[in-house]
């Protein structure tokens, strides 16, 4: 299951995120989203885990305070198709 983790402290990198989630089971992957220009974290990430472990992590970590910020943790929704033309009309 893919998990969305929002409202993360900007200091949370891939290692810190993985460490937080390993308390609930094996973590398959962590993808901390960064700004393309600056390379700085944008405050959210995606974590992939086994379904049962993911549900435990979501129920335990959603609304938990980490470094002064309350995490928003839930099952990730599929990405919406925003079109392929960058807003230009042809």
Protein backbone atom coordinates (compact mmCIF):
# COMPACT_ATOMS: atom_id res chain seq x y z
CA UNK A 1 0.00 0.00 0.00
CA UNK A 2 1.21 3.48 -0.80
CA UNK A 3 0.90 5.98 2.06
CA UNK A 4 0.81 9.76 1.76
CA UNK A 5 2.62 11.63 4.55
CA UNK A 6 1.91 15.36 4.63
CA UNK A 7 2.76 18.35 6.80
CA UNK A 8 6.20 16.89 7.48
CA UNK A 9 8.92 18.98 9.10
CA UNK A 10 11.31 20.11 6.38
CA UNK A 11 14.16 18.48 8.33
CA UNK A 12 12.70 14.98 7.74
CA UNK A 13 14.71 13.23 5.07
CA UNK A 14 14.33 9.72 3.65
CA UNK A 15 16.22 8.10 6.54
CA UNK A 16 14.19 9.81 9.27
CA UNK A 17 10.95 8.98 7.48
CA UNK A 18 11.93 5.33 7.05
CA UNK A 19 12.92 5.14 10.73
CA UNK A 20 9.53 6.51 11.80
CA UNK A 21 7.64 3.90 9.77
CA UNK A 22 9.80 0.84 10.56
CA UNK A 23 8.19 0.70 14.02
CA UNK A 24 5.11 -0.68 12.21
CA UNK A 25 6.75 -3.13 9.79
CA UNK A 26 9.03 -3.44 6.79
CA UNK A 27 9.21 -0.37 4.59
CA UNK A 28 9.44 -1.16 0.87
CA UNK A 29 10.22 2.38 -0.28
CA UNK A 30 10.31 6.02 0.82
CA UNK A 31 10.07 8.95 -1.57
CA UNK A 32 10.46 12.38 0.04
CA UNK A 33 9.30 14.93 -2.53
CA UNK A 34 11.76 17.75 -3.17
CA UNK A 35 11.60 21.04 -5.03
CA UNK A 36 13.08 20.64 -8.51
CA UNK A 37 15.00 23.90 -8.40
CA UNK A 38 16.29 24.01 -4.83
CA UNK A 39 16.39 20.31 -3.94
CA UNK A 40 14.79 21.09 -0.57
CA UNK A 41 12.01 18.87 0.82
CA UNK A 42 8.49 20.14 0.04
CA UNK A 43 6.98 18.78 3.26
CA UNK A 44 5.43 15.56 2.02
CA UNK A 45 6.43 12.03 1.09
CA UNK A 46 5.16 8.66 -0.03
CA UNK A 47 5.91 5.44 1.84
CA UNK A 48 5.16 1.92 0.59
CA UNK A 49 4.51 -0.93 3.01
CA UNK A 50 2.58 -4.19 3.29
CA UNK A 51 -1.17 -3.44 3.57
CA UNK A 52 -1.56 -4.60 7.18
CA UNK A 53 1.55 -2.74 8.36
CA UNK A 54 0.49 0.35 6.43
CA UNK A 55 -2.89 0.40 8.17
CA UNK A 56 -1.17 0.20 11.57
CA UNK A 57 1.19 3.01 10.61
CA UNK A 58 -1.65 5.22 9.35
CA UNK A 59 -3.75 4.77 12.48
CA UNK A 60 -0.77 5.39 14.77
CA UNK A 61 0.96 8.24 12.93
CA UNK A 62 -1.91 10.32 11.58
CA UNK A 63 -2.13 13.54 13.60
CA UNK A 64 1.03 12.67 15.56
CA UNK A 65 3.22 15.67 16.34
CA UNK A 66 6.76 15.47 14.98
CA UNK A 67 9.11 18.42 15.51
CA UNK A 68 6.18 20.76 16.16
CA UNK A 69 4.09 19.69 13.14
CA UNK A 70 1.09 17.36 13.11
CA UNK A 71 1.54 14.74 10.42
CA UNK A 72 -1.23 14.02 7.92
CA UNK A 73 -0.92 10.29 7.17
CA UNK A 74 -3.38 8.38 4.97
CA UNK A 75 -3.64 6.01 2.05
CA UNK A 76 -2.33 7.71 -1.07
CA UNK A 77 -4.86 8.44 -3.79
CA UNK A 78 -3.98 7.80 -7.43
CA UNK A 79 -2.44 10.79 -9.12
CA UNK A 80 -4.88 12.83 -11.17
CA UNK A 81 -4.19 13.26 -14.84
CA UNK A 82 -3.48 16.94 -15.34
CA UNK A 83 -3.13 16.74 -19.09
CA UNK A 84 0.06 16.62 -21.08
CA UNK A 85 0.26 20.07 -22.63
CA UNK A 86 1.21 22.25 -19.66
CA UNK A 87 -1.97 24.30 -19.88
CA UNK A 88 -1.37 25.47 -23.47
CA UNK A 89 -4.19 25.17 -25.94
CA UNK A 90 -3.49 23.81 -29.39
